[in-house]
Amino acid sequence: MKYIKDIKPDEKIESVYLLKKKELKRTKENKPYLTMVLADKTGAIEAKVWDDADTVEMRIGGASAVHIKGVVVKYRENIQFKVDHIRPADENEYSPSDLIRSLENPEEIFDKIVGYIKSIENKWLNLLAMAILDDVDLREKFMRSPGAQNWHNAYIGGLMEHTYEVMYITDHVCSLYPEASRDICLIGAFCHDIGKTVELDPSKFEYTVQGGLIGHLTLGFEILSRKIAGIPGFPEDLATHLKHGILSHHGEYEQQSPVLPKTLEATIVYHADELVSQANAIKELIQAQSGLQKVWSNFVSIKNRKYLLTKPEDL
């Protein structure tokens, strides 16, 4: 197994990688070529097939792991695979733990989340939190799900890690703004991405049918609504505030948020979520590309920029 973080330009590679994305395209001369994103637990890299691309695309079909032979080339200051041969990998050729990264301390992170939940004083919110934690299937999905497909916390357990970080920031912001309900903020932070337990398939890092057609905001709204409905007497006004927090946590219409944050609590959760998700993504980007002896990262299309990979010289 040759880990992606260790590859160098001009190196010949024969190894197995996770196939995260593939797309058949055409050159200006109308010749088909295949572009892919390959990954393992250490990172991801772009790969190209130039010869018989349409045949190759059909050969690998919907494979989740592929065996490749090729060479690492440098293109516009970035490295990528020029693939000479590729096929679906046999199960005995690799260990899933080499291909799919997992959170290193899941039990520790889970215990910290439970600690925050135990600090919630409102009895209705405590009942709601326990209804979620006592759902064995939902709890296991929560502990295993990635935080996103590609951008932030994109590894097994990433959702739980991201949730803890949002709760941590939210708790500290509430200490600065006692006007906000800490209980609502904490349960909002805990539940804000609960829909990702249904949105993403952790075995393939692909969107489920529900995830692709409905999205995690609506899926989370549905999960929360079901749990609230199972608690007799749950206050309607409190339920409305919690549902608003889930539906507004992307913050802007342009970010697929059906409503904008209109309470102090929803505003705090939105900005805590935005802060830790972006910080995690940039941290991962720097760690993945800092070993390539570059000053600037690859261009990040979803953020429309490159990121500086180097620290100030006096640090």
C-alpha atoms as a PDB file:
ATOM      1  CA  MET A   1       0.000   0.000   0.000  1.00  0.00           C
ATOM      2  CA  LYS A   2       1.433   3.332  -1.070  1.00  0.00           C
ATOM      3  CA  TYR A   3      -0.225   6.093   0.939  1.00  0.00           C
ATOM      4  CA  ILE A   4      -1.129   9.224  -0.977  1.00  0.00           C
ATOM      5  CA  LYS A   5       0.607  11.490   1.519  1.00  0.00           C
ATOM      6  CA  ASP A   6       3.920   9.762   0.705  1.00  0.00           C
ATOM      7  CA  ILE A   7       3.860   9.867  -3.100  1.00  0.00           C
ATOM      8  CA  LYS A   8       6.346  11.991  -5.070  1.00  0.00           C
ATOM      9  CA  PRO A   9       6.479  13.279  -8.660  1.00  0.00           C
ATOM     10  CA  ASP A  10       7.820  10.796 -11.246  1.00  0.00           C
ATOM     11  CA  GLU A  11       7.142   7.870  -8.908  1.00  0.00           C
ATOM     12  CA  LYS A  12       5.649   4.707 -10.407  1.00  0.00           C
ATOM     13  CA  ILE A  13       2.673   3.481  -8.411  1.00  0.00           C
ATOM     14  CA  GLU A  14       0.842   0.187  -8.145  1.00  0.00           C
ATOM     15  CA  SER A  15      -1.684   0.214  -5.335  1.00  0.00           C
ATOM     16  CA  VAL A  16      -5.346   0.162  -4.332  1.00  0.00           C
ATOM     17  CA  TYR A  17      -7.322   3.327  -3.632  1.00  0.00           C
ATOM     18  CA  LEU A  18     -10.867   4.389  -2.898  1.00  0.00           C
ATOM     19  CA  LEU A  19     -12.623   5.714  -6.003  1.00  0.00           C
ATOM     20  CA  LYS A  20     -14.418   8.804  -4.713  1.00  0.00           C
ATOM     21  CA  LYS A  21     -15.360  10.394  -8.031  1.00  0.00           C
ATOM     22  CA  LYS A  22     -15.131   9.705 -11.753  1.00  0.00           C
ATOM     23  CA  GLU A  23     -16.290  11.624 -14.808  1.00  0.00           C
ATOM     24  CA  LEU A  24     -15.881  10.989 -18.507  1.00  0.00           C
ATOM     25  CA  LYS A  25     -14.933  14.175 -20.338  1.00  0.00           C
ATOM     26  CA  ARG A  26     -13.664  15.202 -23.769  1.00  0.00           C
ATOM     27  CA  THR A  27     -10.645  17.166 -24.934  1.00  0.00           C
ATOM     28  CA  LYS A  28     -10.843  20.074 -27.382  1.00  0.00           C
ATOM     29  CA  GLU A  29     -10.203  17.488 -30.099  1.00  0.00           C
ATOM     30  CA  ASN A  30     -13.272  15.553 -28.867  1.00  0.00           C
ATOM     31  CA  LYS A  31     -11.173  12.675 -27.529  1.00  0.00           C
ATOM     32  CA  PRO A  32     -12.655  11.061 -24.384  1.00  0.00           C
ATOM     33  CA  TYR A  33     -10.644  11.030 -21.180  1.00  0.00           C
ATOM     34  CA  LEU A  34     -11.499   9.938 -17.648  1.00  0.00           C
ATOM     35  CA  THR A  35     -10.899  12.162 -14.629  1.00  0.00           C
ATOM     36  CA  MET A  36     -11.100  10.678 -11.143  1.00  0.00           C
ATOM     37  CA  VAL A  37     -10.475  11.435  -7.496  1.00  0.00           C
ATOM     38  CA  LEU A  38      -8.678   8.632  -5.654  1.00  0.00           C
ATOM     39  CA  ALA A  39      -8.312   8.542  -1.905  1.00  0.00           C
ATOM     40  CA  ASP A  40      -7.017   6.642   1.092  1.00  0.00           C
ATOM     41  CA  LYS A  41      -6.998   7.421   4.794  1.00  0.00           C
ATOM     42  CA  THR A  42      -4.168   9.936   4.319  1.00  0.00           C
ATOM     43  CA  GLY A  43      -5.617  12.108   1.561  1.00  0.00           C
ATOM     44  CA  ALA A  44      -6.900  12.347  -2.002  1.00  0.00           C
ATOM     45  CA  ILE A  45      -5.419  12.928  -5.444  1.00  0.00           C
ATOM     46  CA  GLU A  46      -6.703  13.581  -8.945  1.00  0.00           C
ATOM     47  CA  ALA A  47      -6.094  10.899 -11.568  1.00  0.00           C
ATOM     48  CA  LYS A  48      -6.474  10.800 -15.347  1.00  0.00           C
ATOM     49  CA  VAL A  49      -6.927   8.045 -17.922  1.00  0.00           C
ATOM     50  CA  TRP A  50      -6.136   9.222 -21.456  1.00  0.00           C
ATOM     51  CA  ASP A  51      -6.255   6.017 -23.515  1.00  0.00           C
ATOM     52  CA  ASP A  52      -9.472   4.058 -24.175  1.00  0.00           C
ATOM     53  CA  ALA A  53     -11.152   6.158 -21.488  1.00  0.00           C
ATOM     54  CA  ASP A  54     -14.719   5.206 -22.398  1.00  0.00           C
ATOM     55  CA  THR A  55     -13.841   1.496 -22.233  1.00  0.00           C
ATOM     56  CA  VAL A  56     -12.045   1.961 -18.926  1.00  0.00           C
ATOM     57  CA  GLU A  57     -14.986   3.868 -17.486  1.00  0.00           C
ATOM     58  CA  MET A  58     -17.285   0.963 -18.298  1.00  0.00           C
ATOM     59  CA  ARG A  59     -14.792  -1.565 -16.895  1.00  0.00           C
ATOM     60  CA  ILE A  60     -14.599  -0.021 -13.450  1.00  0.00           C
ATOM     61  CA  GLY A  61     -18.348   0.713 -13.349  1.00  0.00           C
ATOM     62  CA  GLY A  62     -19.536   1.430  -9.825  1.00  0.00           C
ATOM     63  CA  ALA A  63     -16.474   0.021  -8.037  1.00  0.00           C
ATOM     64  CA  SER A  64     -15.721   1.659  -4.700  1.00  0.00           C
ATOM     65  CA  ALA A  65     -12.072   0.524  -4.610  1.00  0.00           C
ATOM     66  CA  VAL A  66      -9.755   0.251  -7.613  1.00  0.00           C
ATOM     67  CA  HIS A  67      -6.343  -1.259  -8.327  1.00  0.00           C
ATOM     68  CA  ILE A  68      -4.193   1.112 -10.367  1.00  0.00           C
ATOM     69  CA  LYS A  69      -0.837   1.184 -12.122  1.00  0.00           C
ATOM     70  CA  GLY A  70       0.583   4.480 -13.254  1.00  0.00           C
ATOM     71  CA  VAL A  71       3.016   7.299 -12.666  1.00  0.00           C
ATOM     72  CA  VAL A  72       2.823  10.472 -10.591  1.00  0.00           C
ATOM     73  CA  VAL A  73       3.146  13.549 -12.789  1.00  0.00           C
ATOM     74  CA  LYS A  74       3.254  17.264 -12.071  1.00  0.00           C
ATOM     75  CA  TYR A  75       0.694  19.480 -13.801  1.00  0.00           C
ATOM     76  CA  ARG A  76       0.403  23.209 -13.123  1.00  0.00           C
ATOM     77  CA  GLU A  77       2.292  22.841  -9.822  1.00  0.00           C
ATOM     78  CA  ASN A  78      -0.040  20.065  -8.674  1.00  0.00           C
ATOM     79  CA  ILE A  79       0.621  16.334  -8.685  1.00  0.00           C
ATOM     80  CA  GLN A  80      -1.749  13.758 -10.154  1.00  0.00           C
ATOM     81  CA  PHE A  81      -1.789  10.173 -11.341  1.00  0.00           C
ATOM     82  CA  LYS A  82      -1.396   9.361 -15.004  1.00  0.00           C
ATOM     83  CA  VAL A  83      -3.098   5.970 -14.933  1.00  0.00           C
ATOM     84  CA  ASP A  84      -1.873   3.263 -17.302  1.00  0.00           C
ATOM     85  CA  HIS A  85      -4.110   0.481 -16.001  1.00  0.00           C
ATOM     86  CA  ILE A  86      -7.087   0.405 -13.656  1.00  0.00           C
ATOM     87  CA  ARG A  87      -9.608  -2.240 -12.592  1.00  0.00           C
ATOM     88  CA  PRO A  88     -11.975  -2.936  -9.700  1.00  0.00           C
ATOM     89  CA  ALA A  89      -9.982  -4.140  -6.701  1.00  0.00           C
ATOM     90  CA  ASP A  90     -10.566  -7.559  -5.175  1.00  0.00           C
ATOM     91  CA  GLU A  91     -11.547  -7.555  -1.499  1.00  0.00           C
ATOM     92  CA  ASN A  92      -8.436  -9.531  -0.554  1.00  0.00           C
ATOM     93  CA  GLU A  93      -6.157  -6.857  -2.066  1.00  0.00           C
ATOM     94  CA  TYR A  94      -6.720  -4.203   0.580  1.00  0.00           C
ATOM     95  CA  SER A  95      -7.840  -3.432   4.093  1.00  0.00           C
ATOM     96  CA  PRO A  96     -10.728  -0.937   4.418  1.00  0.00           C
ATOM     97  CA  SER A  97      -8.859   0.678   7.309  1.00  0.00           C
ATOM     98  CA  ASP A  98      -6.130   1.729   4.842  1.00  0.00           C
ATOM     99  CA  LEU A  99      -8.601   3.411   2.515  1.00  0.00           C
ATOM    100  CA  ILE A 100     -11.100   5.060   4.826  1.00  0.00           C
ATOM    101  CA  ARG A 101      -9.904   7.383   7.554  1.00  0.00           C
ATOM    102  CA  SER A 102     -11.565   7.159  10.959  1.00  0.00           C
ATOM    103  CA  LEU A 103     -11.661   9.429  13.984  1.00  0.00           C
ATOM    104  CA  GLU A 104      -8.948   8.315  16.392  1.00  0.00           C
ATOM    105  CA  ASN A 105     -10.763   8.956  19.696  1.00  0.00           C
ATOM    106  CA  PRO A 106     -14.510   8.402  19.123  1.00  0.00           C
ATOM    107  CA  GLU A 107     -15.362   7.291  22.669  1.00  0.00           C
ATOM    108  CA  GLU A 108     -13.616  10.313  24.181  1.00  0.00           C
ATOM    109  CA  ILE A 109     -15.471  12.711  21.879  1.00  0.00           C
ATOM    110  CA  PHE A 110     -18.796  10.985  22.559  1.00  0.00           C
ATOM    111  CA  ASP A 111     -18.260  11.274  26.324  1.00  0.00           C
ATOM    112  CA  LYS A 112     -17.614  15.017  25.954  1.00  0.00           C
ATOM    113  CA  ILE A 113     -20.879  15.420  24.041  1.00  0.00           C
ATOM    114  CA  VAL A 114     -22.745  13.501  26.752  1.00  0.00           C
ATOM    115  CA  GLY A 115     -21.140  15.792  29.334  1.00  0.00           C
ATOM    116  CA  TYR A 116     -22.561  18.849  27.596  1.00  0.00           C
ATOM    117  CA  ILE A 117     -25.985  17.209  27.337  1.00  0.00           C
ATOM    118  CA  LYS A 118     -25.990  16.390  31.051  1.00  0.00           C
ATOM    119  CA  SER A 119     -25.362  20.070  31.788  1.00  0.00           C
ATOM    120  CA  ILE A 120     -28.645  21.070  30.096  1.00  0.00           C
ATOM    121  CA  GLU A 121     -31.104  22.151  32.779  1.00  0.00           C
ATOM    122  CA  ASN A 122     -34.375  22.273  30.841  1.00  0.00           C
ATOM    123  CA  LYS A 123     -36.230  18.997  31.447  1.00  0.00           C
ATOM    124  CA  TRP A 124     -37.832  18.931  27.975  1.00  0.00           C
ATOM    125  CA  LEU A 125     -34.507  19.372  26.227  1.00  0.00           C
ATOM    126  CA  ASN A 126     -32.998  16.678  28.430  1.00  0.00           C
ATOM    127  CA  LEU A 127     -35.791  14.311  27.436  1.00  0.00           C
ATOM    128  CA  LEU A 128     -35.221  15.141  23.774  1.00  0.00           C
ATOM    129  CA  ALA A 129     -31.476  14.567  23.979  1.00  0.00           C
ATOM    130  CA  MET A 130     -31.960  11.232  25.705  1.00  0.00           C
ATOM    131  CA  ALA A 131     -34.568  10.191  23.111  1.00  0.00           C
ATOM    132  CA  ILE A 132     -31.871  10.682  20.481  1.00  0.00           C
ATOM    133  CA  LEU A 133     -29.073   8.983  22.446  1.00  0.00           C
ATOM    134  CA  ASP A 134     -31.286   6.052  23.452  1.00  0.00           C
ATOM    135  CA  ASP A 135     -32.069   5.335  19.787  1.00  0.00           C
ATOM    136  CA  VAL A 136     -29.364   2.718  19.224  1.00  0.00           C
ATOM    137  CA  ASP A 137     -29.497   2.817  15.433  1.00  0.00           C
ATOM    138  CA  LEU A 138     -29.408   6.619  15.309  1.00  0.00           C
ATOM    139  CA  ARG A 139     -26.614   6.787  17.899  1.00  0.00           C
ATOM    140  CA  GLU A 140     -24.438   4.319  15.977  1.00  0.00           C
ATOM    141  CA  LYS A 141     -24.975   6.229  12.728  1.00  0.00           C
ATOM    142  CA  PHE A 142     -24.156   9.483  14.515  1.00  0.00           C
ATOM    143  CA  MET A 143     -20.871   8.044  15.795  1.00  0.00           C
ATOM    144  CA  ARG A 144     -19.827   6.679  12.374  1.00  0.00           C
ATOM    145  CA  SER A 145     -21.068   9.248   9.887  1.00  0.00           C
ATOM    146  CA  PRO A 146     -18.646  11.618   8.133  1.00  0.00           C
ATOM    147  CA  GLY A 147     -19.066  15.340   8.657  1.00  0.00           C
ATOM    148  CA  ALA A 148     -19.196  15.924   4.904  1.00  0.00           C
ATOM    149  CA  GLN A 149     -18.396  14.160   1.659  1.00  0.00           C
ATOM    150  CA  ASN A 150     -15.252  16.155   0.893  1.00  0.00           C
ATOM    151  CA  TRP A 151     -14.836  19.565   2.501  1.00  0.00           C
ATOM    152  CA  HIS A 152     -14.711  19.290   6.300  1.00  0.00           C
ATOM    153  CA  ASN A 153     -14.472  16.378   8.781  1.00  0.00           C
ATOM    154  CA  ALA A 154     -14.683  14.018   5.787  1.00  0.00           C
ATOM    155  CA  TYR A 155     -13.873  10.800   7.634  1.00  0.00           C
ATOM    156  CA  ILE A 156     -15.615   8.155   9.730  1.00  0.00           C
ATOM    157  CA  GLY A 157     -16.695   9.803  12.981  1.00  0.00           C
ATOM    158  CA  GLY A 158     -16.281  13.259  11.494  1.00  0.00           C
ATOM    159  CA  LEU A 159     -19.899  14.202  12.177  1.00  0.00           C
ATOM    160  CA  MET A 160     -19.547  13.475  15.874  1.00  0.00           C
ATOM    161  CA  GLU A 161     -16.249  15.396  16.072  1.00  0.00           C
ATOM    162  CA  HIS A 162     -17.786  18.356  14.233  1.00  0.00           C
ATOM    163  CA  THR A 163     -20.834  18.291  16.515  1.00  0.00           C
ATOM    164  CA  TYR A 164     -18.641  18.382  19.614  1.00  0.00           C
ATOM    165  CA  GLU A 165     -16.663  21.332  18.242  1.00  0.00           C
ATOM    166  CA  VAL A 166     -19.858  23.277  17.495  1.00  0.00           C
ATOM    167  CA  MET A 167     -21.127  22.550  21.018  1.00  0.00           C
ATOM    168  CA  TYR A 168     -17.779  23.665  22.485  1.00  0.00           C
ATOM    169  CA  ILE A 169     -17.774  26.993  20.639  1.00  0.00           C
ATOM    170  CA  THR A 170     -21.481  27.530  21.326  1.00  0.00           C
ATOM    171  CA  ASP A 171     -20.977  26.993  25.045  1.00  0.00           C
ATOM    172  CA  HIS A 172     -18.180  29.565  25.174  1.00  0.00           C
ATOM    173  CA  VAL A 173     -20.134  32.129  23.168  1.00  0.00           C
ATOM    174  CA  CYS A 174     -23.064  31.730  25.556  1.00  0.00           C
ATOM    175  CA  SER A 175     -20.787  32.669  28.452  1.00  0.00           C
ATOM    176  CA  LEU A 176     -20.238  36.011  26.686  1.00  0.00           C
ATOM    177  CA  TYR A 177     -23.935  36.463  25.901  1.00  0.00           C
ATOM    178  CA  PRO A 178     -26.012  35.350  28.906  1.00  0.00           C
ATOM    179  CA  GLU A 179     -29.078  36.763  27.144  1.00  0.00           C
ATOM    180  CA  ALA A 180     -29.032  33.630  24.964  1.00  0.00           C
ATOM    181  CA  SER A 181     -30.558  30.395  26.207  1.00  0.00           C
ATOM    182  CA  ARG A 182     -27.541  28.129  26.700  1.00  0.00           C
ATOM    183  CA  ASP A 183     -29.815  25.081  26.785  1.00  0.00           C
ATOM    184  CA  ILE A 184     -31.393  25.857  23.410  1.00  0.00           C
ATOM    185  CA  CYS A 185     -27.989  26.662  21.929  1.00  0.00           C
ATOM    186  CA  LEU A 186     -26.446  23.400  23.129  1.00  0.00           C
ATOM    187  CA  ILE A 187     -29.295  21.183  21.957  1.00  0.00           C
ATOM    188  CA  GLY A 188     -29.335  23.129  18.682  1.00  0.00           C
ATOM    189  CA  ALA A 189     -25.623  22.506  18.229  1.00  0.00           C
ATOM    190  CA  PHE A 190     -26.123  18.829  19.098  1.00  0.00           C
ATOM    191  CA  CYS A 191     -28.943  18.381  16.571  1.00  0.00           C
ATOM    192  CA  HIS A 192     -27.959  20.790  13.787  1.00  0.00           C
ATOM    193  CA  ASP A 193     -26.408  18.149  11.505  1.00  0.00           C
ATOM    194  CA  ILE A 194     -28.312  15.075  12.714  1.00  0.00           C
ATOM    195  CA  GLY A 195     -29.714  14.678   9.192  1.00  0.00           C
ATOM    196  CA  LYS A 196     -26.248  13.709   7.971  1.00  0.00           C
ATOM    197  CA  THR A 197     -26.794  10.323   9.615  1.00  0.00           C
ATOM    198  CA  VAL A 198     -29.144   9.681   6.687  1.00  0.00           C
ATOM    199  CA  GLU A 199     -27.621  11.937   4.030  1.00  0.00           C
ATOM    200  CA  LEU A 200     -24.251  10.194   3.600  1.00  0.00           C
ATOM    201  CA  ASP A 201     -23.284   6.525   3.269  1.00  0.00           C
ATOM    202  CA  PRO A 202     -20.106   6.129   5.389  1.00  0.00           C
ATOM    203  CA  SER A 203     -19.046   2.964   3.561  1.00  0.00           C
ATOM    204  CA  LYS A 204     -18.782   4.766   0.212  1.00  0.00           C
ATOM    205  CA  PHE A 205     -18.793   8.467   1.143  1.00  0.00           C
ATOM    206  CA  GLU A 206     -21.633   8.879  -1.342  1.00  0.00           C
ATOM    207  CA  TYR A 207     -24.962  10.616  -0.942  1.00  0.00           C
ATOM    208  CA  THR A 208     -27.870   8.307  -0.259  1.00  0.00           C
ATOM    209  CA  VAL A 209     -31.011   8.674  -2.360  1.00  0.00           C
ATOM    210  CA  GLN A 210     -32.635  10.567   0.514  1.00  0.00           C
ATOM    211  CA  GLY A 211     -29.526  12.669   0.994  1.00  0.00           C
ATOM    212  CA  GLY A 212     -29.312  13.618  -2.657  1.00  0.00           C
ATOM    213  CA  LEU A 213     -33.013  14.338  -3.106  1.00  0.00           C
ATOM    214  CA  ILE A 214     -33.897  15.889   0.253  1.00  0.00           C
ATOM    215  CA  GLY A 215     -30.689  17.051   1.981  1.00  0.00           C
ATOM    216  CA  HIS A 216     -29.598  16.967   5.599  1.00  0.00           C
ATOM    217  CA  LEU A 217     -31.410  20.114   6.760  1.00  0.00           C
ATOM    218  CA  THR A 218     -34.805  18.675   5.899  1.00  0.00           C
ATOM    219  CA  LEU A 219     -33.795  15.181   7.018  1.00  0.00           C
ATOM    220  CA  GLY A 220     -32.653  16.611  10.343  1.00  0.00           C
ATOM    221  CA  PHE A 221     -35.911  18.540  10.670  1.00  0.00           C
ATOM    222  CA  GLU A 222     -37.819  15.283  10.160  1.00  0.00           C
ATOM    223  CA  ILE A 223     -35.727  13.375  12.728  1.00  0.00           C
ATOM    224  CA  LEU A 224     -36.133  16.155  15.294  1.00  0.00           C
ATOM    225  CA  SER A 225     -39.876  16.395  14.644  1.00  0.00           C
ATOM    226  CA  ARG A 226     -40.316  12.634  15.176  1.00  0.00           C
ATOM    227  CA  LYS A 227     -38.376  12.693  18.433  1.00  0.00           C
ATOM    228  CA  ILE A 228     -40.353  15.685  19.742  1.00  0.00           C
ATOM    229  CA  ALA A 229     -43.636  14.026  18.749  1.00  0.00           C
ATOM    230  CA  GLY A 230     -42.663  11.037  20.895  1.00  0.00           C
ATOM    231  CA  ILE A 231     -42.450  13.181  24.043  1.00  0.00           C
ATOM    232  CA  PRO A 232     -45.987  13.864  25.399  1.00  0.00           C
ATOM    233  CA  GLY A 233     -46.532  17.492  26.366  1.00  0.00           C
ATOM    234  CA  PHE A 234     -43.412  18.880  24.708  1.00  0.00           C
ATOM    235  CA  PRO A 235     -43.940  22.682  24.546  1.00  0.00           C
ATOM    236  CA  GLU A 236     -44.878  23.832  21.045  1.00  0.00           C
ATOM    237  CA  ASP A 237     -43.013  27.128  21.285  1.00  0.00           C
ATOM    238  CA  LEU A 238     -39.815  25.350  22.335  1.00  0.00           C
ATOM    239  CA  ALA A 239     -40.215  22.861  19.485  1.00  0.00           C
ATOM    240  CA  THR A 240     -40.570  25.750  17.007  1.00  0.00           C
ATOM    241  CA  HIS A 241     -37.308  27.312  18.214  1.00  0.00           C
ATOM    242  CA  LEU A 242     -35.447  24.018  17.831  1.00  0.00           C
ATOM    243  CA  LYS A 243     -36.843  23.345  14.366  1.00  0.00           C
ATOM    244  CA  HIS A 244     -35.901  26.876  13.317  1.00  0.00           C
ATOM    245  CA  GLY A 245     -32.341  26.208  14.482  1.00  0.00           C
ATOM    246  CA  ILE A 246     -31.968  23.191  12.196  1.00  0.00           C
ATOM    247  CA  LEU A 247     -33.585  24.809   9.162  1.00  0.00           C
ATOM    248  CA  SER A 248     -31.562  28.029   9.483  1.00  0.00           C
ATOM    249  CA  HIS A 249     -28.129  26.685  10.394  1.00  0.00           C
ATOM    250  CA  HIS A 250     -26.637  27.235   6.923  1.00  0.00           C
ATOM    251  CA  GLY A 251     -27.236  30.906   7.500  1.00  0.00           C
ATOM    252  CA  GLU A 252     -27.924  32.168   3.980  1.00  0.00           C
ATOM    253  CA  TYR A 253     -30.349  31.365   1.175  1.00  0.00           C
ATOM    254  CA  GLU A 254     -27.326  30.954  -1.118  1.00  0.00           C
ATOM    255  CA  GLN A 255     -26.133  28.144   1.154  1.00  0.00           C
ATOM    256  CA  GLN A 256     -29.431  26.258   0.754  1.00  0.00           C
ATOM    257  CA  SER A 257     -30.853  27.487   4.045  1.00  0.00           C
ATOM    258  CA  PRO A 258     -34.665  27.588   3.673  1.00  0.00           C
ATOM    259  CA  VAL A 259     -34.889  30.268   6.363  1.00  0.00           C
ATOM    260  CA  LEU A 260     -32.399  32.769   7.794  1.00  0.00           C
ATOM    261  CA  PRO A 261     -31.396  32.688  11.486  1.00  0.00           C
ATOM    262  CA  LYS A 262     -33.919  34.907  13.279  1.00  0.00           C
ATOM    263  CA  THR A 263     -33.131  34.228  16.936  1.00  0.00           C
ATOM    264  CA  LEU A 264     -30.042  34.869  19.009  1.00  0.00           C
ATOM    265  CA  GLU A 265     -29.657  31.125  19.620  1.00  0.00           C
ATOM    266  CA  ALA A 266     -29.920  30.178  15.941  1.00  0.00           C
ATOM    267  CA  THR A 267     -27.418  32.921  15.069  1.00  0.00           C
ATOM    268  CA  ILE A 268     -24.896  31.589  17.574  1.00  0.00           C
ATOM    269  CA  VAL A 269     -25.219  28.000  16.314  1.00  0.00           C
ATOM    270  CA  TYR A 270     -24.920  29.104  12.681  1.00  0.00           C
ATOM    271  CA  HIS A 271     -21.700  31.037  13.255  1.00  0.00           C
ATOM    272  CA  ALA A 272     -20.205  28.324  15.480  1.00  0.00           C
ATOM    273  CA  ASP A 273     -20.947  25.771  12.765  1.00  0.00           C
ATOM    274  CA  GLU A 274     -19.454  27.988  10.063  1.00  0.00           C
ATOM    275  CA  LEU A 275     -16.317  28.678  12.097  1.00  0.00           C
ATOM    276  CA  VAL A 276     -15.373  25.115  12.994  1.00  0.00           C
ATOM    277  CA  SER A 277     -16.313  23.604   9.614  1.00  0.00           C
ATOM    278  CA  GLN A 278     -14.159  26.086   7.694  1.00  0.00           C
ATOM    279  CA  ALA A 279     -11.279  25.886  10.177  1.00  0.00           C
ATOM    280  CA  ASN A 280     -11.269  22.084  10.029  1.00  0.00           C
ATOM    281  CA  ALA A 281     -11.330  22.080   6.235  1.00  0.00           C
ATOM    282  CA  ILE A 282      -8.419  24.510   5.926  1.00  0.00           C
ATOM    283  CA  LYS A 283      -6.437  22.601   8.566  1.00  0.00           C
ATOM    284  CA  GLU A 284      -6.925  19.378   6.596  1.00  0.00           C
ATOM    285  CA  LEU A 285      -5.960  21.123   3.372  1.00  0.00           C
ATOM    286  CA  ILE A 286      -2.724  22.444   4.858  1.00  0.00           C
ATOM    287  CA  GLN A 287      -1.809  19.079   6.359  1.00  0.00           C
ATOM    288  CA  ALA A 288      -2.460  17.268   3.073  1.00  0.00           C
ATOM    289  CA  GLN A 289      -0.490  19.636   0.841  1.00  0.00           C
ATOM    290  CA  SER A 290       2.224  21.152   3.050  1.00  0.00           C
ATOM    291  CA  GLY A 291       4.594  18.276   2.239  1.00  0.00           C
ATOM    292  CA  LEU A 292       4.574  19.138  -1.479  1.00  0.00           C
ATOM    293  CA  GLN A 293       7.030  22.038  -0.984  1.00  0.00           C
ATOM    294  CA  LYS A 294       4.538  24.605  -2.218  1.00  0.00           C
ATOM    295  CA  VAL A 295       3.680  28.028  -0.840  1.00  0.00           C
ATOM    296  CA  TRP A 296       0.047  27.987  -1.968  1.00  0.00           C
ATOM    297  CA  SER A 297      -2.527  25.208  -1.956  1.00  0.00           C
ATOM    298  CA  ASN A 298      -4.298  23.870  -5.010  1.00  0.00           C
ATOM    299  CA  PHE A 299      -7.171  26.107  -6.099  1.00  0.00           C
ATOM    300  CA  VAL A 300     -10.262  25.350  -4.005  1.00  0.00           C
ATOM    301  CA  SER A 301     -13.201  25.866  -6.340  1.00  0.00           C
ATOM    302  CA  ILE A 302     -15.928  25.883  -3.684  1.00  0.00           C
ATOM    303  CA  LYS A 303     -14.133  28.738  -1.881  1.00  0.00           C
ATOM    304  CA  ASN A 304     -12.811  30.462  -5.050  1.00  0.00           C
ATOM    305  CA  ARG A 305      -9.281  30.825  -3.683  1.00  0.00           C
ATOM    306  CA  LYS A 306      -5.962  29.225  -2.817  1.00  0.00           C
ATOM    307  CA  TYR A 307      -4.759  28.998   0.792  1.00  0.00           C
ATOM    308  CA  LEU A 308      -1.316  29.826   2.143  1.00  0.00           C
ATOM    309  CA  LEU A 309       0.435  26.641   3.246  1.00  0.00           C
ATOM    310  CA  THR A 310       3.363  28.235   5.093  1.00  0.00           C
ATOM    311  CA  LYS A 311       3.545  29.783   8.534  1.00  0.00           C
ATOM    312  CA  PRO A 312       5.286  33.109   9.318  1.00  0.00           C
ATOM    313  CA  GLU A 313       9.055  32.600   9.397  1.00  0.00           C
ATOM    314  CA  ASP A 314       9.363  33.842  12.979  1.00  0.00           C
ATOM    315  CA  LEU A 315       7.100  31.109  14.407  1.00  0.00           C
END
